[in-house]
PDB file of N, CA and C in Angstrom:
ATOM      1  N   MET A   1      98.505  98.684  82.746  1.00  0.00           N
ATOM      2  CA  MET A   1      98.839 100.073  83.234  1.00  0.00           C
ATOM      3  C   MET A   1     100.231 100.068  83.427  1.00  0.00           C
ATOM      4  N   ARG A   2     100.807 101.081  82.986  1.00  0.00           N
ATOM      5  CA  ARG A   2     102.290 101.426  82.999  1.00  0.00           C
ATOM      6  C   ARG A   2     102.640 101.782  84.556  1.00  0.00           C
ATOM      7  N   THR A   3     103.779 101.516  84.854  1.00  0.00           N
ATOM      8  CA  THR A   3     104.500 101.868  86.088  1.00  0.00           C
ATOM      9  C   THR A   3     105.663 102.563  85.890  1.00  0.00           C
ATOM     10  N   ALA A   4     106.305 103.400  86.715  1.00  0.00           N
ATOM     11  CA  ALA A   4     107.647 103.933  86.737  1.00  0.00           C
ATOM     12  C   ALA A   4     108.549 103.066  87.252  1.00  0.00           C
ATOM     13  N   GLY A   5     108.045 102.201  88.060  1.00  0.00           N
ATOM     14  CA  GLY A   5     109.181 101.277  88.920  1.00  0.00           C
ATOM     15  C   GLY A   5     109.451 101.971  90.129  1.00  0.00           C
ATOM     16  N   CYS A   6     109.679 101.068  91.056  1.00  0.00           N
ATOM     17  CA  CYS A   6     109.970 101.441  92.552  1.00  0.00           C
ATOM     18  C   CYS A   6     111.564 101.297  92.740  1.00  0.00           C
ATOM     19  N   ASP A   7     112.175 102.293  93.530  1.00  0.00           N
ATOM     20  CA  ASP A   7     113.537 102.185  93.767  1.00  0.00           C
ATOM     21  C   ASP A   7     113.542 101.431  95.133  1.00  0.00           C
ATOM     22  N   SER A   8     114.755 101.398  95.788  1.00  0.00           N
ATOM     23  CA  SER A   8     114.797 100.788  97.061  1.00  0.00           C
ATOM     24  C   SER A   8     114.259 101.397  98.193  1.00  0.00           C
ATOM     25  N   ARG A   9     113.967 102.711  98.015  1.00  0.00           N
ATOM     26  CA  ARG A   9     113.500 103.372  99.280  1.00  0.00           C
ATOM     27  C   ARG A   9     111.999 103.141  99.505  1.00  0.00           C
ATOM     28  N   SER A  10     111.314 103.741 100.381  1.00  0.00           N
ATOM     29  CA  SER A  10     110.144 103.256 100.862  1.00  0.00           C
ATOM     30  C   SER A  10     109.132 103.469  99.776  1.00  0.00           C
ATOM     31  N   CYS A  11     109.071 102.432  98.806  1.00  0.00           N
ATOM     32  CA  CYS A  11     108.129 102.472  97.790  1.00  0.00           C
ATOM     33  C   CYS A  11     106.732 101.972  98.162  1.00  0.00           C
ATOM     34  N   ASP A  12     105.722 102.488  97.347  1.00  0.00           N
ATOM     35  CA  ASP A  12     104.401 101.975  97.623  1.00  0.00           C
ATOM     36  C   ASP A  12     103.734 101.857  96.468  1.00  0.00           C
ATOM     37  N   PRO A  13     103.797 100.581  95.817  1.00  0.00           N
ATOM     38  CA  PRO A  13     103.143 100.280  94.444  1.00  0.00           C
ATOM     39  C   PRO A  13     101.881 100.400  94.342  1.00  0.00           C
ATOM     40  N   GLU A  14     101.002 100.292  95.344  1.00  0.00           N
ATOM     41  CA  GLU A  14      99.633 100.530  95.429  1.00  0.00           C
ATOM     42  C   GLU A  14      99.289 102.005  95.014  1.00  0.00           C
ATOM     43  N   ILE A  15      99.942 102.953  95.714  1.00  0.00           N
ATOM     44  CA  ILE A  15      99.898 104.334  95.588  1.00  0.00           C
ATOM     45  C   ILE A  15     100.209 104.597  94.129  1.00  0.00           C
ATOM     46  N   GLU A  16     101.574 104.397  93.816  1.00  0.00           N
ATOM     47  CA  GLU A  16     101.930 104.476  92.394  1.00  0.00           C
ATOM     48  C   GLU A  16     101.066 104.181  91.350  1.00  0.00           C
ATOM     49  N   GLU A  17     100.470 102.965  91.575  1.00  0.00           N
ATOM     50  CA  GLU A  17      99.510 102.323  90.507  1.00  0.00           C
ATOM     51  C   GLU A  17      98.085 103.275  90.497  1.00  0.00           C
ATOM     52  N   ALA A  18      97.662 103.732  91.722  1.00  0.00           N
ATOM     53  CA  ALA A  18      96.418 104.532  91.818  1.00  0.00           C
ATOM     54  C   ALA A  18      96.754 105.861  91.205  1.00  0.00           C
ATOM     55  N   VAL A  19      97.838 106.547  91.399  1.00  0.00           N
ATOM     56  CA  VAL A  19      98.092 107.846  90.893  1.00  0.00           C
ATOM     57  C   VAL A  19      98.394 107.769  89.225  1.00  0.00           C
ATOM     58  N   LEU A  20      99.053 106.852  88.861  1.00  0.00           N
ATOM     59  CA  LEU A  20      99.261 106.495  87.365  1.00  0.00           C
ATOM     60  C   LEU A  20      97.892 106.176  86.824  1.00  0.00           C
ATOM     61  N   SER A  21      97.062 105.413  87.199  1.00  0.00           N
ATOM     62  CA  SER A  21      95.833 104.987  86.782  1.00  0.00           C
ATOM     63  C   SER A  21      94.890 106.019  86.571  1.00  0.00           C
ATOM     64  N   TYR A  22      94.922 106.992  87.609  1.00  0.00           N
ATOM     65  CA  TYR A  22      94.160 108.226  87.572  1.00  0.00           C
ATOM     66  C   TYR A  22      94.434 108.991  86.262  1.00  0.00           C
ATOM     67  N   LEU A  23      95.857 109.324  86.256  1.00  0.00           N
ATOM     68  CA  LEU A  23      96.487 110.151  85.184  1.00  0.00           C
ATOM     69  C   LEU A  23      96.421 109.590  83.893  1.00  0.00           C
ATOM     70  N   ASP A  24      96.091 108.277  83.741  1.00  0.00           N
ATOM     71  CA  ASP A  24      95.735 107.593  82.444  1.00  0.00           C
ATOM     72  C   ASP A  24      94.509 108.135  81.876  1.00  0.00           C
ATOM     73  N   ARG A  25      93.471 108.213  82.802  1.00  0.00           N
ATOM     74  CA  ARG A  25      92.109 108.498  82.470  1.00  0.00           C
ATOM     75  C   ARG A  25      91.873 109.991  82.632  1.00  0.00           C
ATOM     76  N   HIS A  26      92.898 110.770  83.251  1.00  0.00           N
ATOM     77  CA  HIS A  26      92.717 112.137  83.243  1.00  0.00           C
ATOM     78  C   HIS A  26      94.205 112.821  82.949  1.00  0.00           C
ATOM     79  N   PRO A  27      94.636 112.868  81.803  1.00  0.00           N
ATOM     80  CA  PRO A  27      95.950 113.201  81.474  1.00  0.00           C
ATOM     81  C   PRO A  27      96.112 114.705  81.725  1.00  0.00           C
ATOM     82  N   TYR A  28      95.195 115.544  81.857  1.00  0.00           N
ATOM     83  CA  TYR A  28      95.287 116.979  81.933  1.00  0.00           C
ATOM     84  C   TYR A  28      95.147 117.378  83.397  1.00  0.00           C
ATOM     85  N   ALA A  29      95.124 116.383  84.398  1.00  0.00           N
ATOM     86  CA  ALA A  29      94.892 116.589  85.823  1.00  0.00           C
ATOM     87  C   ALA A  29      96.325 117.198  86.284  1.00  0.00           C
ATOM     88  N   ALA A  30      95.978 117.876  87.344  1.00  0.00           N
ATOM     89  CA  ALA A  30      97.144 118.444  88.167  1.00  0.00           C
ATOM     90  C   ALA A  30      96.679 118.813  89.312  1.00  0.00           C
ATOM     91  N   ASP A  31      97.200 118.553  90.526  1.00  0.00           N
ATOM     92  CA  ASP A  31      96.674 118.833  91.979  1.00  0.00           C
ATOM     93  C   ASP A  31      97.822 118.789  92.978  1.00  0.00           C
ATOM     94  N   THR A  32      97.404 119.269  94.077  1.00  0.00           N
ATOM     95  CA  THR A  32      98.397 119.259  95.048  1.00  0.00           C
ATOM     96  C   THR A  32      98.342 117.909  95.831  1.00  0.00           C
ATOM     97  N   LEU A  33      99.255 117.808  96.863  1.00  0.00           N
ATOM     98  CA  LEU A  33      99.242 116.525  97.648  1.00  0.00           C
ATOM     99  C   LEU A  33      98.015 116.362  98.350  1.00  0.00           C
ATOM    100  N   TYR A  34      97.311 117.435  98.930  1.00  0.00           N
ATOM    101  CA  TYR A  34      95.902 117.343  99.474  1.00  0.00           C
ATOM    102  C   TYR A  34      94.830 116.913  98.494  1.00  0.00           C
ATOM    103  N   GLY A  35      94.928 117.624  97.493  1.00  0.00           N
ATOM    104  CA  GLY A  35      93.966 117.324  96.419  1.00  0.00           C
ATOM    105  C   GLY A  35      94.021 115.856  95.811  1.00  0.00           C
ATOM    106  N   ILE A  36      95.232 115.403  95.531  1.00  0.00           N
ATOM    107  CA  ILE A  36      95.429 113.940  95.175  1.00  0.00           C
ATOM    108  C   ILE A  36      94.926 113.090  96.261  1.00  0.00           C
ATOM    109  N   ALA A  37      95.367 113.315  97.343  1.00  0.00           N
ATOM    110  CA  ALA A  37      94.884 112.450  98.551  1.00  0.00           C
ATOM    111  C   ALA A  37      93.229 112.514  98.827  1.00  0.00           C
ATOM    112  N   ASP A  38      92.746 113.635  98.556  1.00  0.00           N
ATOM    113  CA  ASP A  38      91.331 113.851  98.833  1.00  0.00           C
ATOM    114  C   ASP A  38      90.441 113.453  97.617  1.00  0.00           C
ATOM    115  N   TRP A  39      90.879 113.727  96.413  1.00  0.00           N
ATOM    116  CA  TRP A  39      90.010 113.473  95.327  1.00  0.00           C
ATOM    117  C   TRP A  39      90.339 112.326  94.345  1.00  0.00           C
ATOM    118  N   TRP A  40      91.703 112.422  94.054  1.00  0.00           N
ATOM    119  CA  TRP A  40      92.124 111.427  93.164  1.00  0.00           C
ATOM    120  C   TRP A  40      92.001 109.909  93.587  1.00  0.00           C
ATOM    121  N   LEU A  41      92.634 109.660  94.905  1.00  0.00           N
ATOM    122  CA  LEU A  41      92.883 108.329  95.338  1.00  0.00           C
ATOM    123  C   LEU A  41      91.441 107.742  95.744  1.00  0.00           C
ATOM    124  N   PRO A  42      90.770 108.494  96.469  1.00  0.00           N
ATOM    125  CA  PRO A  42      89.457 107.945  96.824  1.00  0.00           C
ATOM    126  C   PRO A  42      88.589 107.478  95.727  1.00  0.00           C
ATOM    127  N   GLN A  43      88.875 108.237  94.366  1.00  0.00           N
ATOM    128  CA  GLN A  43      88.148 107.876  93.101  1.00  0.00           C
ATOM    129  C   GLN A  43      88.884 106.421  92.797  1.00  0.00           C
ATOM    130  N   GLN A  44      89.909 106.201  93.282  1.00  0.00           N
ATOM    131  CA  GLN A  44      90.581 104.886  92.947  1.00  0.00           C
ATOM    132  C   GLN A  44      90.232 103.743  93.974  1.00  0.00           C
ATOM    133  N   ARG A  45      89.384 104.196  94.917  1.00  0.00           N
ATOM    134  CA  ARG A  45      88.782 103.274  96.138  1.00  0.00           C
ATOM    135  C   ARG A  45      90.128 102.946  96.941  1.00  0.00           C
ATOM    136  N   TYR A  46      90.892 103.939  97.078  1.00  0.00           N
ATOM    137  CA  TYR A  46      92.077 103.812  98.019  1.00  0.00           C
ATOM    138  C   TYR A  46      92.360 104.842  98.860  1.00  0.00           C
ATOM    139  N   VAL A  47      92.335 104.614 100.160  1.00  0.00           N
ATOM    140  CA  VAL A  47      92.363 105.571 101.196  1.00  0.00           C
ATOM    141  C   VAL A  47      93.674 105.422 102.012  1.00  0.00           C
ATOM    142  N   THR A  48      94.589 106.448 102.139  1.00  0.00           N
ATOM    143  CA  THR A  48      95.993 106.144 102.521  1.00  0.00           C
ATOM    144  C   THR A  48      96.322 107.447 103.269  1.00  0.00           C
ATOM    145  N   ALA A  49      97.563 107.362 103.875  1.00  0.00           N
ATOM    146  CA  ALA A  49      98.047 108.449 104.696  1.00  0.00           C
ATOM    147  C   ALA A  49      98.612 109.253 103.452  1.00  0.00           C
ATOM    148  N   GLN A  50      98.663 110.648 103.763  1.00  0.00           N
ATOM    149  CA  GLN A  50      99.362 111.744 103.074  1.00  0.00           C
ATOM    150  C   GLN A  50     100.762 111.418 102.980  1.00  0.00           C
ATOM    151  N   ALA A  51     101.431 111.131 103.884  1.00  0.00           N
ATOM    152  CA  ALA A  51     102.867 110.713 103.933  1.00  0.00           C
ATOM    153  C   ALA A  51     103.192 109.660 103.007  1.00  0.00           C
ATOM    154  N   ARG A  52     102.431 108.703 102.929  1.00  0.00           N
ATOM    155  CA  ARG A  52     102.937 107.561 101.934  1.00  0.00           C
ATOM    156  C   ARG A  52     102.661 108.148 100.367  1.00  0.00           C
ATOM    157  N   ILE A  53     101.678 108.829 100.242  1.00  0.00           N
ATOM    158  CA  ILE A  53     101.472 109.366  98.989  1.00  0.00           C
ATOM    159  C   ILE A  53     102.428 110.370  98.560  1.00  0.00           C
ATOM    160  N   GLU A  54     102.932 111.282  99.550  1.00  0.00           N
ATOM    161  CA  GLU A  54     103.906 112.319  99.247  1.00  0.00           C
ATOM    162  C   GLU A  54     105.196 111.540  98.942  1.00  0.00           C
ATOM    163  N   VAL A  55     105.551 110.455  99.468  1.00  0.00           N
ATOM    164  CA  VAL A  55     106.924 109.668  99.216  1.00  0.00           C
ATOM    165  C   VAL A  55     106.792 109.180  97.621  1.00  0.00           C
ATOM    166  N   VAL A  56     105.596 108.571  97.354  1.00  0.00           N
ATOM    167  CA  VAL A  56     105.500 108.217  96.004  1.00  0.00           C
ATOM    168  C   VAL A  56     105.522 109.291  94.861  1.00  0.00           C
ATOM    169  N   LEU A  57     104.880 110.405  95.323  1.00  0.00           N
ATOM    170  CA  LEU A  57     104.902 111.481  94.312  1.00  0.00           C
ATOM    171  C   LEU A  57     106.435 112.004  94.208  1.00  0.00           C
ATOM    172  N   GLN A  58     106.975 111.988  95.230  1.00  0.00           N
ATOM    173  CA  GLN A  58     108.422 112.498  94.988  1.00  0.00           C
ATOM    174  C   GLN A  58     109.279 111.542  94.197  1.00  0.00           C
ATOM    175  N   GLN A  59     108.983 110.271  94.373  1.00  0.00           N
ATOM    176  CA  GLN A  59     109.808 109.392  93.600  1.00  0.00           C
ATOM    177  C   GLN A  59     109.432 109.395  92.220  1.00  0.00           C
ATOM    178  N   LEU A  60     108.056 109.670  91.710  1.00  0.00           N
ATOM    179  CA  LEU A  60     107.537 109.889  90.407  1.00  0.00           C
ATOM    180  C   LEU A  60     108.205 111.285  89.927  1.00  0.00           C
ATOM    181  N   VAL A  61     108.506 112.177  90.662  1.00  0.00           N
ATOM    182  CA  VAL A  61     108.967 113.411  90.107  1.00  0.00           C
ATOM    183  C   VAL A  61     110.438 113.032  89.764  1.00  0.00           C
ATOM    184  N   GLU A  62     111.142 112.402  90.703  1.00  0.00           N
ATOM    185  CA  GLU A  62     112.560 112.094  90.462  1.00  0.00           C
ATOM    186  C   GLU A  62     112.744 111.264  89.251  1.00  0.00           C
ATOM    187  N   GLN A  63     111.920 110.302  88.860  1.00  0.00           N
ATOM    188  CA  GLN A  63     111.900 109.411  87.809  1.00  0.00           C
ATOM    189  C   GLN A  63     111.551 110.282  86.470  1.00  0.00           C
ATOM    190  N   GLY A  64     111.037 111.408  86.635  1.00  0.00           N
ATOM    191  CA  GLY A  64     110.450 111.975  85.496  1.00  0.00           C
ATOM    192  C   GLY A  64     109.265 111.805  84.864  1.00  0.00           C
ATOM    193  N   VAL A  65     108.319 111.009  85.830  1.00  0.00           N
ATOM    194  CA  VAL A  65     106.959 110.793  85.351  1.00  0.00           C
ATOM    195  C   VAL A  65     105.988 111.993  85.592  1.00  0.00           C
ATOM    196  N   LEU A  66     106.204 112.496  86.625  1.00  0.00           N
ATOM    197  CA  LEU A  66     105.375 113.680  87.130  1.00  0.00           C
ATOM    198  C   LEU A  66     106.367 114.861  87.019  1.00  0.00           C
ATOM    199  N   GLN A  67     105.537 116.129  86.835  1.00  0.00           N
ATOM    200  CA  GLN A  67     106.220 117.431  87.101  1.00  0.00           C
ATOM    201  C   GLN A  67     105.899 117.947  88.538  1.00  0.00           C
ATOM    202  N   LEU A  68     106.573 118.872  89.051  1.00  0.00           N
ATOM    203  CA  LEU A  68     106.225 119.359  90.415  1.00  0.00           C
ATOM    204  C   LEU A  68     106.483 120.988  90.209  1.00  0.00           C
ATOM    205  N   LYS A  69     105.491 121.583  90.345  1.00  0.00           N
ATOM    206  CA  LYS A  69     105.531 123.189  90.363  1.00  0.00           C
ATOM    207  C   LYS A  69     105.136 123.678  91.765  1.00  0.00           C
ATOM    208  N   ARG A  70     105.694 124.675  92.292  1.00  0.00           N
ATOM    209  CA  ARG A  70     105.371 125.336  93.473  1.00  0.00           C
ATOM    210  C   ARG A  70     104.375 126.373  93.140  1.00  0.00           C
ATOM    211  N   LEU A  71     103.336 126.470  93.993  1.00  0.00           N
ATOM    212  CA  LEU A  71     102.297 127.409  93.933  1.00  0.00           C
ATOM    213  C   LEU A  71     102.786 128.666  94.761  1.00  0.00           C
ATOM    214  N   PRO A  72     102.221 129.884  94.613  1.00  0.00           N
ATOM    215  CA  PRO A  72     102.745 130.931  95.366  1.00  0.00           C
ATOM    216  C   PRO A  72     102.842 130.779  96.830  1.00  0.00           C
ATOM    217  N   ASN A  73     101.783 129.906  97.388  1.00  0.00           N
ATOM    218  CA  ASN A  73     101.690 129.713  98.835  1.00  0.00           C
ATOM    219  C   ASN A  73     102.618 128.718  99.328  1.00  0.00           C
ATOM    220  N   GLY A  74     103.460 128.022  98.337  1.00  0.00           N
ATOM    221  CA  GLY A  74     104.475 127.072  98.484  1.00  0.00           C
ATOM    222  C   GLY A  74     103.966 125.614  98.326  1.00  0.00           C
ATOM    223  N   ALA A  75     102.665 125.307  98.135  1.00  0.00           N
ATOM    224  CA  ALA A  75     102.124 124.055  98.101  1.00  0.00           C
ATOM    225  C   ALA A  75     102.723 123.333  96.580  1.00  0.00           C
ATOM    226  N   ALA A  76     102.831 122.308  96.612  1.00  0.00           N
ATOM    227  CA  ALA A  76     103.482 121.643  95.452  1.00  0.00           C
ATOM    228  C   ALA A  76     102.261 121.110  94.672  1.00  0.00           C
ATOM    229  N   LEU A  77     102.268 121.344  93.247  1.00  0.00           N
ATOM    230  CA  LEU A  77     101.399 121.036  92.322  1.00  0.00           C
ATOM    231  C   LEU A  77     101.969 120.100  91.429  1.00  0.00           C
ATOM    232  N   TYR A  78     101.273 118.952  91.390  1.00  0.00           N
ATOM    233  CA  TYR A  78     101.758 117.491  90.445  1.00  0.00           C
ATOM    234  C   TYR A  78     101.035 117.402  89.293  1.00  0.00           C
ATOM    235  N   ALA A  79     101.730 117.067  88.206  1.00  0.00           N
ATOM    236  CA  ALA A  79     101.191 116.814  86.916  1.00  0.00           C
ATOM    237  C   ALA A  79     101.868 115.899  86.249  1.00  0.00           C
ATOM    238  N   LEU A  80     101.272 115.151  85.208  1.00  0.00           N
ATOM    239  CA  LEU A  80     101.961 114.444  84.323  1.00  0.00           C
ATOM    240  C   LEU A  80     103.023 115.126  83.555  1.00  0.00           C
ATOM    241  N   ASP A  81     104.262 114.576  83.490  1.00  0.00           N
ATOM    242  CA  ASP A  81     105.308 115.137  82.585  1.00  0.00           C
ATOM    243  C   ASP A  81     104.900 114.778  81.368  1.00  0.00           C
ATOM    244  N   LYS A  82     104.803 115.911  80.406  1.00  0.00           N
ATOM    245  CA  LYS A  82     104.429 115.767  79.021  1.00  0.00           C
ATOM    246  C   LYS A  82     105.390 115.090  78.238  1.00  0.00           C
ATOM    247  N   GLU A  83     106.684 114.942  78.735  1.00  0.00           N
ATOM    248  CA  GLU A  83     107.664 114.245  77.708  1.00  0.00           C
ATOM    249  C   GLU A  83     107.289 112.839  77.943  1.00  0.00           C
ATOM    250  N   HIS A  84     106.710 112.120  79.074  1.00  0.00           N
ATOM    251  CA  HIS A  84     106.325 110.857  79.077  1.00  0.00           C
ATOM    252  C   HIS A  84     104.899 110.728  78.493  1.00  0.00           C
ATOM    253  N   HIS A  85     104.125 111.613  78.102  1.00  0.00           N
ATOM    254  CA  HIS A  85     102.814 111.683  77.618  1.00  0.00           C
ATOM    255  C   HIS A  85     102.516 112.773  76.808  1.00  0.00           C
ATOM    256  N   PRO A  86     103.356 112.783  75.635  1.00  0.00           N
ATOM    257  CA  PRO A  86     103.475 114.008  74.731  1.00  0.00           C
ATOM    258  C   PRO A  86     101.940 114.367  74.141  1.00  0.00           C
ATOM    259  N   GLN A  87     101.273 113.361  73.857  1.00  0.00           N
ATOM    260  CA  GLN A  87      99.913 113.530  73.139  1.00  0.00           C
ATOM    261  C   GLN A  87      99.072 113.078  74.191  1.00  0.00           C
ATOM    262  N   PRO A  88      98.286 113.932  74.813  1.00  0.00           N
ATOM    263  CA  PRO A  88      97.184 113.286  75.798  1.00  0.00           C
ATOM    264  C   PRO A  88      96.206 112.555  75.104  1.00  0.00           C
ATOM    265  N   LEU A  89      95.638 111.507  75.918  1.00  0.00           N
ATOM    266  CA  LEU A  89      94.535 110.710  75.493  1.00  0.00           C
ATOM    267  C   LEU A  89      93.333 111.666  75.051  1.00  0.00           C
ATOM    268  N   PRO A  90      92.508 110.944  74.115  1.00  0.00           N
ATOM    269  CA  PRO A  90      91.497 111.778  73.717  1.00  0.00           C
ATOM    270  C   PRO A  90      90.185 111.661  74.925  1.00  0.00           C
ATOM    271  N   LEU A  91      89.666 112.719  75.200  1.00  0.00           N
ATOM    272  CA  LEU A  91      88.514 112.737  76.228  1.00  0.00           C
ATOM    273  C   LEU A  91      87.346 112.021  75.773  1.00  0.00           C
ATOM    274  N   PRO A  92      86.616 111.266  76.515  1.00  0.00           N
ATOM    275  CA  PRO A  92      85.369 110.709  76.183  1.00  0.00           C
ATOM    276  C   PRO A  92      84.499 111.684  75.889  1.00  0.00           C
ATOM    277  N   ASP A  93      83.548 111.382  74.725  1.00  0.00           N
ATOM    278  CA  ASP A  93      82.407 112.339  74.525  1.00  0.00           C
ATOM    279  C   ASP A  93      81.501 112.075  75.639  1.00  0.00           C
ATOM    280  N   ASP A  94      80.877 113.099  75.934  1.00  0.00           N
ATOM    281  CA  ASP A  94      79.640 113.264  76.955  1.00  0.00           C
ATOM    282  C   ASP A  94      78.496 112.931  76.431  1.00  0.00           C
TER     283      ASP A  94
END
């Protein structure tokens, strides 16, 4: 599993690993902080406070791993930065 690496700020490698692991399996995924906390991380068998997740998401945006877009209601939408993953992984056949 790739990681973007943590800087000296309040880094949380477990959350970073869970977010990036989810995105490895779902490269087209995009969600808000609340969606990531409620849907992505529980699928990773990881339950944590949203404040910790938000710190990691902000770091990943600053590192260019994730993109941040603001929705009309002001909520942040996070997705994999296509420059770091220009060709999405093929989806499994159902």
